[in-house]
Amino acid sequence: MKTYIYNFRYFIKESIDIFRLNLISNIFSLLSTGLIFFVLTLIIAGWNVSSSVTDAIKGESEISVYFKEGLTDAEIIELTNLVTNVFGVKSVNLVNEDEAYERMESVLGGDAQVLSFFEENPFDAFLEVGIELSEIDAIVSQINQMEKVDLVRDNKEVLNRLSHMSDVLNLVSYFAIAAVGITTLVILSHIIRQGIYHHREQINTLELLGAPKYFIALPFYIEGIGMTLTGGLLSLILSHFVLSEIYLQVSGPLPFIPLPDQGGVMQNLILMVIGLSLILGYLGSAFGVSSSRGKN
């Protein structure tokens, strides 16, 4: 047990000595790694938020069915029952003229005073219909054929644009992960090779004494993983403050946007960034060690 503890202390001490050998250069490399991971966390956070918002909007997809003027209450109830029985319709709610006016006042907020210029309520009653998004074309087509229906308004174009934006962010995120991976591997492998070069005499001595390869290489692995892990933690700290400010700015003026829980977003970021840090730290160290063999 004592041997393992002593060896562990030796590995940590050696990895610190390797880092301190080119302290200024390694500090800048560490900060660069942190900034690279910071950009990655922002892209991934945007990816998660956009996907969550798109899914939430899709899950609450609604269309507005405007009926012809002059219908009696009985005819409106009959139309409501017909719409309710359409396959893919989840709910039907009658929104009268006053409620439509109040909703627009809520949406306009401080600009709602513009509505006072109208002598009469400019809004018509309509049916608010909750639907399965996958059935929107069939639902709209069937409702349009109903005799008492004047107009069907859907938000399909908006949903399609949101889905397109989400797909673009997905693609950007994949490219960002690839770019961060390649950049981090290049930086780390260079640092590890440099450390091995400056410790070549000590490494040769250990090899002559019969030290196994893992014993010689482990401090360099610890240094590489430690650098990426530290850079990842720095990026997470910065991301926490940036996300908090973004949520504060968006949730106030735009409360109707269904933002995902900030804690859940940060939890996903932590898991992804820590995982990438460990993987890239190991791979970068492995590349640096393997490319330096035979050059001591």
Protein backbone atom coordinates (compact mmCIF):
# COMPACT_ATOMS: atom_id res chain seq x y z
CA MET A 1 0.00 0.00 0.00
CA LYS A 2 2.83 2.36 0.91
CA THR A 3 4.45 1.66 -2.45
CA TYR A 4 1.29 2.69 -4.33
CA ILE A 5 0.98 5.90 -2.26
CA TYR A 6 4.64 6.74 -2.83
CA ASN A 7 4.36 6.09 -6.56
CA PHE A 8 1.22 8.21 -6.78
CA ARG A 9 2.97 11.11 -5.07
CA TYR A 10 5.91 10.65 -7.43
CA PHE A 11 3.65 10.75 -10.51
CA ILE A 12 1.87 13.90 -9.29
CA LYS A 13 5.18 15.61 -8.44
CA GLU A 14 6.65 14.71 -11.82
CA SER A 15 3.60 15.95 -13.71
CA ILE A 16 3.79 19.27 -11.82
CA ASP A 17 7.52 19.55 -12.59
CA ILE A 18 6.81 18.88 -16.28
CA PHE A 19 4.18 21.64 -16.30
CA ARG A 20 6.46 24.09 -14.47
CA LEU A 21 9.34 23.44 -16.84
CA ASN A 22 7.72 25.74 -19.44
CA LEU A 23 5.38 27.52 -17.07
CA ILE A 24 4.43 30.59 -19.12
CA SER A 25 3.91 28.61 -22.32
CA ASN A 26 1.86 25.96 -20.53
CA ILE A 27 -0.28 28.56 -18.74
CA PHE A 28 -1.14 30.18 -22.07
CA SER A 29 -1.88 26.74 -23.48
CA LEU A 30 -4.13 26.04 -20.50
CA LEU A 31 -6.00 29.32 -20.98
CA SER A 32 -6.33 28.63 -24.70
CA THR A 33 -7.78 25.23 -23.94
CA GLY A 34 -10.24 26.82 -21.50
CA LEU A 35 -11.37 29.37 -24.10
CA ILE A 36 -11.77 26.67 -26.73
CA PHE A 37 -13.92 24.63 -24.36
CA PHE A 38 -15.84 27.80 -23.42
CA VAL A 39 -16.84 28.37 -27.06
CA LEU A 40 -17.80 24.70 -27.27
CA THR A 41 -19.99 24.92 -24.15
CA LEU A 42 -21.85 27.94 -25.55
CA ILE A 43 -22.51 26.12 -28.82
CA ILE A 44 -23.67 22.98 -27.02
CA ALA A 45 -25.88 25.06 -24.69
CA GLY A 46 -27.46 26.77 -27.71
CA TRP A 47 -27.94 23.35 -29.27
CA ASN A 48 -29.70 22.01 -26.16
CA VAL A 49 -31.88 25.09 -25.70
CA SER A 50 -32.97 25.27 -29.35
CA SER A 51 -33.79 21.55 -29.45
CA SER A 52 -35.75 21.82 -26.21
CA VAL A 53 -37.67 24.90 -27.37
CA THR A 54 -38.48 23.29 -30.72
CA ASP A 55 -39.69 20.08 -29.06
CA ALA A 56 -41.79 22.05 -26.57
CA ILE A 57 -43.42 24.10 -29.33
CA LYS A 58 -44.07 20.98 -31.37
CA GLY A 59 -45.64 19.33 -28.35
CA GLU A 60 -47.99 22.30 -27.96
CA SER A 61 -48.82 22.71 -31.66
CA GLU A 62 -52.04 24.54 -32.27
CA ILE A 63 -54.02 25.86 -35.19
CA SER A 64 -56.67 28.58 -35.18
CA VAL A 65 -59.99 27.85 -36.87
CA TYR A 66 -62.03 30.95 -37.75
CA PHE A 67 -65.68 30.32 -38.50
CA LYS A 68 -68.10 32.31 -40.64
CA GLU A 69 -69.85 35.32 -39.15
CA GLY A 70 -73.39 35.08 -37.90
CA LEU A 71 -73.24 31.52 -36.54
CA THR A 72 -75.54 30.78 -33.63
CA ASP A 73 -74.26 29.26 -30.38
CA ALA A 74 -75.73 25.91 -31.41
CA GLU A 75 -73.93 26.01 -34.77
CA ILE A 76 -70.64 26.89 -33.05
CA ILE A 77 -71.07 23.93 -30.68
CA GLU A 78 -71.81 21.68 -33.66
CA LEU A 79 -68.66 22.89 -35.44
CA THR A 80 -66.64 22.37 -32.27
CA ASN A 81 -67.82 18.75 -32.08
CA LEU A 82 -66.98 18.17 -35.74
CA VAL A 83 -63.45 19.53 -35.26
CA THR A 84 -62.99 17.52 -32.07
CA ASN A 85 -63.74 14.29 -33.95
CA VAL A 86 -61.04 14.90 -36.58
CA PHE A 87 -58.22 12.37 -36.29
CA GLY A 88 -55.12 13.97 -34.71
CA VAL A 89 -57.01 16.71 -32.84
CA LYS A 90 -56.15 16.67 -29.12
CA SER A 91 -58.23 19.57 -27.83
CA VAL A 92 -60.62 22.31 -28.97
CA ASN A 93 -61.16 25.55 -27.06
CA LEU A 94 -63.49 28.41 -28.02
CA VAL A 95 -61.81 31.81 -27.74
CA ASN A 96 -64.36 34.63 -27.86
CA GLU A 97 -63.75 38.19 -29.02
CA ASP A 98 -62.99 39.57 -25.55
CA GLU A 99 -60.49 36.83 -24.75
CA ALA A 100 -58.78 37.33 -28.12
CA TYR A 101 -58.49 41.05 -27.33
CA GLU A 102 -56.99 40.33 -23.87
CA ARG A 103 -54.48 37.91 -25.36
CA MET A 104 -53.27 40.50 -27.83
CA GLU A 105 -52.95 43.05 -25.00
CA SER A 106 -50.75 40.56 -23.13
CA VAL A 107 -48.57 39.93 -26.17
CA LEU A 108 -48.13 43.62 -26.98
CA GLY A 109 -47.35 44.56 -23.39
CA GLY A 110 -46.36 48.25 -23.25
CA ASP A 111 -47.43 48.75 -26.86
CA ALA A 112 -51.00 47.62 -26.15
CA GLN A 113 -52.16 51.25 -26.20
CA VAL A 114 -52.29 51.00 -30.00
CA LEU A 115 -55.47 48.93 -29.57
CA SER A 116 -57.24 51.95 -28.09
CA PHE A 117 -57.35 53.53 -31.55
CA PHE A 118 -59.97 50.97 -32.62
CA GLU A 119 -63.53 52.02 -31.91
CA GLU A 120 -64.66 48.39 -31.80
CA ASN A 121 -62.96 45.11 -30.92
CA PRO A 122 -61.07 44.17 -34.11
CA PHE A 123 -60.65 40.53 -33.15
CA ASP A 124 -62.93 37.66 -34.10
CA ALA A 125 -63.81 34.60 -32.06
CA PHE A 126 -62.08 31.39 -33.13
CA LEU A 127 -61.46 27.80 -32.16
CA GLU A 128 -58.06 27.06 -30.67
CA VAL A 129 -57.26 23.51 -31.74
CA GLY A 130 -54.45 21.45 -30.22
CA ILE A 131 -53.14 18.89 -32.72
CA GLU A 132 -50.58 16.21 -33.39
CA LEU A 133 -47.99 18.00 -35.52
CA SER A 134 -47.38 14.92 -37.67
CA GLU A 135 -51.05 15.05 -38.80
CA ILE A 136 -51.21 18.79 -39.49
CA ASP A 137 -51.68 18.54 -43.27
CA ALA A 138 -54.55 16.06 -43.04
CA ILE A 139 -56.18 18.00 -40.18
CA VAL A 140 -56.03 21.36 -41.98
CA SER A 141 -57.33 19.83 -45.20
CA GLN A 142 -60.27 18.15 -43.47
CA ILE A 143 -61.25 21.23 -41.42
CA ASN A 144 -61.02 23.49 -44.47
CA GLN A 145 -63.69 21.36 -46.13
CA MET A 146 -66.19 22.01 -43.33
CA GLU A 147 -69.04 24.24 -44.45
CA LYS A 148 -69.00 26.66 -41.52
CA VAL A 149 -65.21 27.21 -41.53
CA ASP A 150 -63.97 30.50 -42.97
CA LEU A 151 -60.19 30.25 -42.40
CA VAL A 152 -57.65 27.89 -40.83
CA ARG A 153 -54.44 29.49 -39.62
CA ASP A 154 -51.52 27.23 -38.70
CA ASN A 155 -47.94 27.86 -37.60
CA LYS A 156 -46.39 25.16 -39.75
CA GLU A 157 -43.98 27.57 -41.43
CA VAL A 158 -42.70 28.79 -38.06
CA LEU A 159 -42.26 25.23 -36.82
CA ASN A 160 -40.42 24.25 -39.99
CA ARG A 161 -38.06 27.20 -39.55
CA LEU A 162 -37.43 26.28 -35.93
CA SER A 163 -36.69 22.70 -36.95
CA HIS A 164 -34.32 23.96 -39.65
CA MET A 165 -32.53 26.19 -37.13
CA SER A 166 -32.23 23.25 -34.76
CA ASP A 167 -30.74 21.09 -37.55
CA VAL A 168 -28.22 23.83 -38.38
CA LEU A 169 -27.20 24.13 -34.72
CA ASN A 170 -26.80 20.36 -34.56
CA LEU A 171 -24.45 20.47 -37.54
CA VAL A 172 -22.51 23.42 -36.10
CA SER A 173 -22.19 21.58 -32.78
CA TYR A 174 -20.76 18.50 -34.47
CA PHE A 175 -18.21 20.63 -36.33
CA ALA A 176 -17.37 22.49 -33.11
CA ILE A 177 -16.73 19.25 -31.23
CA ALA A 178 -14.49 18.05 -34.06
CA ALA A 179 -12.61 21.37 -34.17
CA VAL A 180 -12.13 21.42 -30.39
CA GLY A 181 -10.95 17.82 -30.46
CA ILE A 182 -8.37 18.39 -33.18
CA THR A 183 -7.10 21.66 -31.69
CA THR A 184 -6.80 20.19 -28.19
CA LEU A 185 -5.00 17.10 -29.46
CA VAL A 186 -2.48 19.22 -31.37
CA ILE A 187 -1.80 21.50 -28.38
CA LEU A 188 -1.49 18.64 -25.91
CA SER A 189 0.67 16.41 -28.07
CA HIS A 190 3.05 19.35 -28.60
CA ILE A 191 3.25 20.04 -24.85
CA ILE A 192 3.84 16.36 -24.05
CA ARG A 193 6.56 16.02 -26.71
CA GLN A 194 8.24 19.13 -25.36
CA GLY A 195 8.12 17.77 -21.81
CA ILE A 196 9.57 14.42 -22.93
CA TYR A 197 12.35 16.20 -24.81
CA HIS A 198 13.39 18.23 -21.76
CA HIS A 199 13.28 15.12 -19.55
CA ARG A 200 15.08 12.86 -22.01
CA GLU A 201 18.10 12.33 -19.73
CA GLN A 202 15.92 11.39 -16.77
CA ILE A 203 13.85 9.09 -19.01
CA ASN A 204 17.00 7.38 -20.33
CA THR A 205 18.17 6.84 -16.76
CA LEU A 206 14.84 5.29 -15.75
CA GLU A 207 14.94 3.02 -18.80
CA LEU A 208 18.47 1.85 -17.88
CA LEU A 209 17.23 1.10 -14.37
CA GLY A 210 14.51 -1.11 -15.88
CA ALA A 211 11.51 1.14 -15.21
CA PRO A 212 8.45 -0.03 -17.20
CA LYS A 213 7.11 2.20 -19.96
CA TYR A 214 3.88 2.98 -18.12
CA PHE A 215 5.90 4.20 -15.11
CA ILE A 216 7.80 6.65 -17.32
CA ALA A 217 4.78 7.79 -19.34
CA LEU A 218 2.20 8.14 -16.55
CA PRO A 219 3.29 11.64 -15.36
CA PHE A 220 2.85 12.93 -18.91
CA TYR A 221 -0.64 11.42 -19.07
CA ILE A 222 -1.50 13.05 -15.74
CA GLU A 223 -0.25 16.40 -17.02
CA GLY A 224 -2.29 16.17 -20.24
CA ILE A 225 -5.51 15.05 -18.54
CA GLY A 226 -5.02 17.63 -15.80
CA MET A 227 -4.67 20.44 -18.36
CA THR A 228 -7.80 19.54 -20.33
CA LEU A 229 -9.77 18.92 -17.15
CA THR A 230 -8.74 22.30 -15.73
CA GLY A 231 -9.56 24.00 -19.04
CA GLY A 232 -12.96 22.29 -19.07
CA LEU A 233 -13.72 23.40 -15.51
CA LEU A 234 -12.76 27.00 -16.35
CA SER A 235 -15.11 26.92 -19.34
CA LEU A 236 -17.95 25.57 -17.19
CA ILE A 237 -17.51 28.35 -14.64
CA LEU A 238 -17.64 31.00 -17.37
CA SER A 239 -20.58 29.28 -19.05
CA HIS A 240 -22.56 29.27 -15.81
CA PHE A 241 -22.36 33.07 -15.52
CA VAL A 242 -23.07 33.64 -19.22
CA LEU A 243 -26.09 31.28 -19.23
CA SER A 244 -27.48 32.88 -16.06
CA GLU A 245 -27.32 36.30 -17.70
CA ILE A 246 -28.89 35.03 -20.94
CA TYR A 247 -31.77 33.37 -19.05
CA LEU A 248 -32.27 36.56 -17.03
CA GLN A 249 -32.43 38.70 -20.16
CA VAL A 250 -34.70 36.33 -22.13
CA SER A 251 -37.12 35.12 -19.46
CA GLY A 252 -38.07 38.70 -18.45
CA PRO A 253 -39.10 40.32 -21.75
CA LEU A 254 -39.98 37.01 -23.48
CA PRO A 255 -41.70 34.87 -20.82
CA PHE A 256 -43.68 32.93 -23.44
CA ILE A 257 -40.53 31.22 -24.79
CA PRO A 258 -40.43 27.71 -23.24
CA LEU A 259 -36.79 27.71 -22.13
CA PRO A 260 -35.53 24.42 -20.65
CA ASP A 261 -34.50 24.28 -17.00
CA GLN A 262 -31.13 26.01 -16.60
CA GLY A 263 -29.99 23.41 -14.07
CA GLY A 264 -30.67 20.63 -16.56
CA VAL A 265 -28.75 22.45 -19.30
CA MET A 266 -25.75 22.95 -16.98
CA GLN A 267 -25.88 19.30 -15.91
CA ASN A 268 -25.70 18.19 -19.55
CA LEU A 269 -22.81 20.60 -20.16
CA ILE A 270 -20.90 19.32 -17.13
CA LEU A 271 -21.24 15.69 -18.18
CA MET A 272 -20.27 16.40 -21.79
CA VAL A 273 -17.36 18.76 -21.06
CA ILE A 274 -15.87 16.58 -18.31
CA GLY A 275 -16.17 13.52 -20.52
CA LEU A 276 -14.55 15.29 -23.49
CA SER A 277 -11.81 16.68 -21.25
CA LEU A 278 -10.85 13.24 -19.98
CA ILE A 279 -10.98 11.64 -23.44
CA LEU A 280 -9.06 14.42 -25.20
CA GLY A 281 -6.53 14.63 -22.37
CA TYR A 282 -5.81 10.93 -22.63
CA LEU A 283 -5.66 10.88 -26.45
CA GLY A 284 -3.50 14.01 -26.65
CA SER A 285 -1.06 12.57 -24.12
CA ALA A 286 -1.03 9.25 -25.93
CA PHE A 287 -0.21 10.94 -29.25
CA GLY A 288 2.52 13.01 -27.64
CA VAL A 289 4.11 10.00 -25.93
CA SER A 290 3.87 7.71 -28.96
CA SER A 291 5.28 10.34 -31.36
CA SER A 292 8.28 10.92 -29.05
CA ARG A 293 9.37 7.30 -28.78
CA GLY A 294 12.73 6.72 -30.26
CA LYS A 295 13.57 10.44 -30.21
CA ASN A 296 15.06 10.56 -26.76
